[in-house]
PDB file of N, CA and C in Angstrom:
ATOM      1  N   UNK A   1       0.977  -1.144  -0.265  1.00  0.00           N
ATOM      2  CA  UNK A   1       0.024  -0.186   0.112  1.00  0.00           C
ATOM      3  C   UNK A   1       0.555   0.781  -0.037  1.00  0.00           C
ATOM      4  N   UNK A   2       0.880   1.966  -1.378  1.00  0.00           N
ATOM      5  CA  UNK A   2       1.482   3.499  -0.894  1.00  0.00           C
ATOM      6  C   UNK A   2       0.902   4.195  -0.034  1.00  0.00           C
ATOM      7  N   UNK A   3       1.126   5.479   0.327  1.00  0.00           N
ATOM      8  CA  UNK A   3       1.013   6.421   0.768  1.00  0.00           C
ATOM      9  C   UNK A   3       0.437   7.448   0.242  1.00  0.00           C
ATOM     10  N   UNK A   4      -1.020   7.978   0.754  1.00  0.00           N
ATOM     11  CA  UNK A   4      -1.636   8.710   0.039  1.00  0.00           C
ATOM     12  C   UNK A   4      -1.550  10.438   0.585  1.00  0.00           C
ATOM     13  N   UNK A   5      -0.861  10.639   1.415  1.00  0.00           N
ATOM     14  CA  UNK A   5      -0.994  11.797   1.790  1.00  0.00           C
ATOM     15  C   UNK A   5       0.455  12.114   2.556  1.00  0.00           C
ATOM     16  N   UNK A   6       0.778  13.138   3.337  1.00  0.00           N
ATOM     17  CA  UNK A   6       1.860  13.814   3.839  1.00  0.00           C
ATOM     18  C   UNK A   6       2.062  12.787   5.134  1.00  0.00           C
ATOM     19  N   UNK A   7       0.936  12.924   5.706  1.00  0.00           N
ATOM     20  CA  UNK A   7       1.095  12.154   6.701  1.00  0.00           C
ATOM     21  C   UNK A   7       1.366  10.433   6.884  1.00  0.00           C
ATOM     22  N   UNK A   8       0.829   9.933   6.072  1.00  0.00           N
ATOM     23  CA  UNK A   8       0.668   8.366   5.916  1.00  0.00           C
ATOM     24  C   UNK A   8       2.367   8.385   5.486  1.00  0.00           C
ATOM     25  N   UNK A   9       2.847   9.422   4.543  1.00  0.00           N
ATOM     26  CA  UNK A   9       4.539   9.481   4.355  1.00  0.00           C
ATOM     27  C   UNK A   9       5.357   9.150   5.223  1.00  0.00           C
ATOM     28  N   UNK A  10       5.232  10.401   6.518  1.00  0.00           N
ATOM     29  CA  UNK A  10       6.020  10.162   7.543  1.00  0.00           C
ATOM     30  C   UNK A  10       5.891   9.032   8.175  1.00  0.00           C
ATOM     31  N   UNK A  11       4.521   8.337   8.176  1.00  0.00           N
ATOM     32  CA  UNK A  11       4.606   7.071   9.343  1.00  0.00           C
ATOM     33  C   UNK A  11       5.551   6.469   8.332  1.00  0.00           C
ATOM     34  N   UNK A  12       5.402   6.105   7.578  1.00  0.00           N
ATOM     35  CA  UNK A  12       5.666   4.686   6.043  1.00  0.00           C
ATOM     36  C   UNK A  12       7.325   5.338   6.368  1.00  0.00           C
ATOM     37  N   UNK A  13       7.849   6.604   6.455  1.00  0.00           N
ATOM     38  CA  UNK A  13       9.410   6.916   6.671  1.00  0.00           C
ATOM     39  C   UNK A  13       9.910   6.404   8.241  1.00  0.00           C
ATOM     40  N   UNK A  14       8.886   6.717   9.351  1.00  0.00           N
ATOM     41  CA  UNK A  14       9.299   6.385  10.831  1.00  0.00           C
ATOM     42  C   UNK A  14       9.609   5.010  10.366  1.00  0.00           C
ATOM     43  N   UNK A  15       8.770   4.080  10.114  1.00  0.00           N
ATOM     44  CA  UNK A  15       8.756   2.572  10.034  1.00  0.00           C
ATOM     45  C   UNK A  15       9.892   2.306   9.512  1.00  0.00           C
ATOM     46  N   UNK A  16      10.320   2.856   8.372  1.00  0.00           N
ATOM     47  CA  UNK A  16      11.253   2.481   7.449  1.00  0.00           C
ATOM     48  C   UNK A  16      12.350   2.511   8.324  1.00  0.00           C
ATOM     49  N   UNK A  17      12.751   3.506   9.381  1.00  0.00           N
ATOM     50  CA  UNK A  17      13.792   4.227   9.853  1.00  0.00           C
ATOM     51  C   UNK A  17      13.873   3.075  11.392  1.00  0.00           C
ATOM     52  N   UNK A  18      12.970   3.095  11.675  1.00  0.00           N
ATOM     53  CA  UNK A  18      12.805   2.213  13.062  1.00  0.00           C
ATOM     54  C   UNK A  18      13.288   0.506  12.651  1.00  0.00           C
ATOM     55  N   UNK A  19      12.801   0.082  11.112  1.00  0.00           N
ATOM     56  CA  UNK A  19      13.128  -1.084  11.019  1.00  0.00           C
ATOM     57  C   UNK A  19      14.780  -1.105  10.330  1.00  0.00           C
ATOM     58  N   UNK A  20      15.217   0.059   9.878  1.00  0.00           N
ATOM     59  CA  UNK A  20      16.579   0.249   9.896  1.00  0.00           C
ATOM     60  C   UNK A  20      17.430   0.302  11.192  1.00  0.00           C
ATOM     61  N   UNK A  21      16.955   0.832  12.066  1.00  0.00           N
ATOM     62  CA  UNK A  21      17.778   0.761  13.483  1.00  0.00           C
ATOM     63  C   UNK A  21      17.549  -0.795  14.165  1.00  0.00           C
ATOM     64  N   UNK A  22      16.450  -1.276  14.176  1.00  0.00           N
ATOM     65  CA  UNK A  22      16.507  -2.480  14.380  1.00  0.00           C
ATOM     66  C   UNK A  22      17.480  -3.697  13.372  1.00  0.00           C
ATOM     67  N   UNK A  23      17.485  -3.375  12.190  1.00  0.00           N
ATOM     68  CA  UNK A  23      18.343  -4.515  11.839  1.00  0.00           C
ATOM     69  C   UNK A  23      20.283  -3.922  12.161  1.00  0.00           C
ATOM     70  N   UNK A  24      20.199  -2.694  12.015  1.00  0.00           N
ATOM     71  CA  UNK A  24      21.594  -1.757  12.434  1.00  0.00           C
ATOM     72  C   UNK A  24      22.233  -2.553  13.685  1.00  0.00           C
ATOM     73  N   UNK A  25      21.414  -2.690  14.834  1.00  0.00           N
ATOM     74  CA  UNK A  25      21.178  -2.935  16.234  1.00  0.00           C
ATOM     75  C   UNK A  25      21.702  -4.551  15.938  1.00  0.00           C
ATOM     76  N   UNK A  26      20.936  -5.222  15.586  1.00  0.00           N
ATOM     77  CA  UNK A  26      21.185  -6.733  15.126  1.00  0.00           C
ATOM     78  C   UNK A  26      22.420  -7.293  14.637  1.00  0.00           C
ATOM     79  N   UNK A  27      22.740  -6.456  13.435  1.00  0.00           N
ATOM     80  CA  UNK A  27      24.437  -6.405  12.646  1.00  0.00           C
ATOM     81  C   UNK A  27      25.281  -6.123  13.669  1.00  0.00           C
ATOM     82  N   UNK A  28      24.556  -4.941  14.312  1.00  0.00           N
ATOM     83  CA  UNK A  28      26.159  -4.783  15.567  1.00  0.00           C
ATOM     84  C   UNK A  28      26.291  -6.190  16.672  1.00  0.00           C
ATOM     85  N   UNK A  29      25.202  -6.461  16.976  1.00  0.00           N
ATOM     86  CA  UNK A  29      25.355  -7.742  18.100  1.00  0.00           C
ATOM     87  C   UNK A  29      26.205  -8.321  17.429  1.00  0.00           C
ATOM     88  N   UNK A  30      25.799  -9.031  16.097  1.00  0.00           N
ATOM     89  CA  UNK A  30      26.207 -10.309  15.422  1.00  0.00           C
ATOM     90  C   UNK A  30      27.767  -9.732  15.492  1.00  0.00           C
ATOM     91  N   UNK A  31      27.831  -8.612  14.775  1.00  0.00           N
ATOM     92  CA  UNK A  31      29.794  -8.481  14.576  1.00  0.00           C
ATOM     93  C   UNK A  31      30.373  -8.326  15.949  1.00  0.00           C
ATOM     94  N   UNK A  32      29.614  -8.115  17.036  1.00  0.00           N
ATOM     95  CA  UNK A  32      30.002  -7.865  18.520  1.00  0.00           C
ATOM     96  C   UNK A  32      30.751  -9.199  18.879  1.00  0.00           C
ATOM     97  N   UNK A  33      29.489 -10.060  18.527  1.00  0.00           N
ATOM     98  CA  UNK A  33      29.698 -11.612  19.205  1.00  0.00           C
ATOM     99  C   UNK A  33      30.817 -12.193  18.340  1.00  0.00           C
ATOM    100  N   UNK A  34      31.114 -12.186  17.336  1.00  0.00           N
ATOM    101  CA  UNK A  34      31.850 -12.462  16.336  1.00  0.00           C
ATOM    102  C   UNK A  34      33.723 -12.059  16.401  1.00  0.00           C
ATOM    103  N   UNK A  35      33.091 -10.893  16.775  1.00  0.00           N
ATOM    104  CA  UNK A  35      34.582 -10.271  17.439  1.00  0.00           C
ATOM    105  C   UNK A  35      35.168 -10.688  18.898  1.00  0.00           C
ATOM    106  N   UNK A  36      34.028 -11.438  19.197  1.00  0.00           N
ATOM    107  CA  UNK A  36      34.529 -11.988  20.962  1.00  0.00           C
ATOM    108  C   UNK A  36      34.371 -11.291  21.858  1.00  0.00           C
ATOM    109  N   UNK A  37      33.259 -10.130  22.011  1.00  0.00           N
ATOM    110  CA  UNK A  37      33.097  -8.938  22.756  1.00  0.00           C
ATOM    111  C   UNK A  37      32.436  -9.732  23.496  1.00  0.00           C
ATOM    112  N   UNK A  38      32.483  -9.787  25.091  1.00  0.00           N
ATOM    113  CA  UNK A  38      32.086 -10.204  26.087  1.00  0.00           C
ATOM    114  C   UNK A  38      31.303 -11.628  25.923  1.00  0.00           C
ATOM    115  N   UNK A  39      32.410 -12.432  24.933  1.00  0.00           N
ATOM    116  CA  UNK A  39      32.042 -13.715  24.961  1.00  0.00           C
ATOM    117  C   UNK A  39      32.137 -14.534  26.344  1.00  0.00           C
ATOM    118  N   UNK A  40      31.467 -15.486  26.345  1.00  0.00           N
ATOM    119  CA  UNK A  40      31.682 -16.583  27.696  1.00  0.00           C
ATOM    120  C   UNK A  40      31.873 -18.226  27.184  1.00  0.00           C
ATOM    121  N   UNK A  41      32.221 -18.616  28.283  1.00  0.00           N
ATOM    122  CA  UNK A  41      32.408 -20.446  27.637  1.00  0.00           C
ATOM    123  C   UNK A  41      31.292 -20.928  27.111  1.00  0.00           C
ATOM    124  N   UNK A  42      30.121 -20.445  27.876  1.00  0.00           N
ATOM    125  CA  UNK A  42      28.825 -21.202  27.336  1.00  0.00           C
ATOM    126  C   UNK A  42      27.789 -20.114  26.413  1.00  0.00           C
ATOM    127  N   UNK A  43      27.934 -19.900  25.539  1.00  0.00           N
ATOM    128  CA  UNK A  43      27.076 -18.976  24.656  1.00  0.00           C
ATOM    129  C   UNK A  43      25.656 -19.702  24.521  1.00  0.00           C
ATOM    130  N   UNK A  44      24.566 -19.002  24.632  1.00  0.00           N
ATOM    131  CA  UNK A  44      23.404 -19.614  24.715  1.00  0.00           C
ATOM    132  C   UNK A  44      22.927 -19.952  23.047  1.00  0.00           C
ATOM    133  N   UNK A  45      22.155 -20.698  22.671  1.00  0.00           N
ATOM    134  CA  UNK A  45      22.028 -21.072  21.608  1.00  0.00           C
ATOM    135  C   UNK A  45      20.534 -19.958  21.131  1.00  0.00           C
ATOM    136  N   UNK A  46      21.112 -19.451  19.919  1.00  0.00           N
ATOM    137  CA  UNK A  46      20.370 -18.382  19.646  1.00  0.00           C
ATOM    138  C   UNK A  46      19.488 -19.513  18.377  1.00  0.00           C
ATOM    139  N   UNK A  47      18.002 -18.986  18.519  1.00  0.00           N
ATOM    140  CA  UNK A  47      16.525 -19.888  17.503  1.00  0.00           C
ATOM    141  C   UNK A  47      15.946 -18.372  17.073  1.00  0.00           C
ATOM    142  N   UNK A  48      16.051 -18.562  15.340  1.00  0.00           N
ATOM    143  CA  UNK A  48      15.517 -17.589  15.029  1.00  0.00           C
ATOM    144  C   UNK A  48      14.023 -17.294  15.556  1.00  0.00           C
ATOM    145  N   UNK A  49      13.528 -16.182  15.581  1.00  0.00           N
ATOM    146  CA  UNK A  49      12.470 -15.588  15.994  1.00  0.00           C
ATOM    147  C   UNK A  49      12.127 -15.742  17.515  1.00  0.00           C
ATOM    148  N   UNK A  50      12.707 -15.825  18.281  1.00  0.00           N
ATOM    149  CA  UNK A  50      12.896 -16.102  20.144  1.00  0.00           C
ATOM    150  C   UNK A  50      13.716 -14.983  20.354  1.00  0.00           C
ATOM    151  N   UNK A  51      12.881 -14.132  21.426  1.00  0.00           N
ATOM    152  CA  UNK A  51      13.864 -13.301  21.579  1.00  0.00           C
ATOM    153  C   UNK A  51      14.589 -14.278  23.483  1.00  0.00           C
ATOM    154  N   UNK A  52      15.919 -13.221  23.631  1.00  0.00           N
ATOM    155  CA  UNK A  52      16.432 -13.807  24.925  1.00  0.00           C
ATOM    156  C   UNK A  52      15.875 -13.204  25.836  1.00  0.00           C
ATOM    157  N   UNK A  53      15.096 -12.000  25.486  1.00  0.00           N
ATOM    158  CA  UNK A  53      14.308 -11.101  26.747  1.00  0.00           C
ATOM    159  C   UNK A  53      12.959 -11.468  27.234  1.00  0.00           C
ATOM    160  N   UNK A  54      12.491 -12.637  26.575  1.00  0.00           N
ATOM    161  CA  UNK A  54      11.186 -12.596  26.590  1.00  0.00           C
ATOM    162  C   UNK A  54      11.094 -13.484  28.306  1.00  0.00           C
TER     163      UNK A  54
END
């Protein structure tokens, strides 16, 4: 669905920025993990779609 007003366009931009920020945070987390930052001897299993904070 395409935006039909400036308000809808602004909302779409805000949603895109939020998604971009979430993606960047996840990329940073993976990069830090791969670099060994904060690594422990027993790393938790990563399950797609499941948050460790639930």
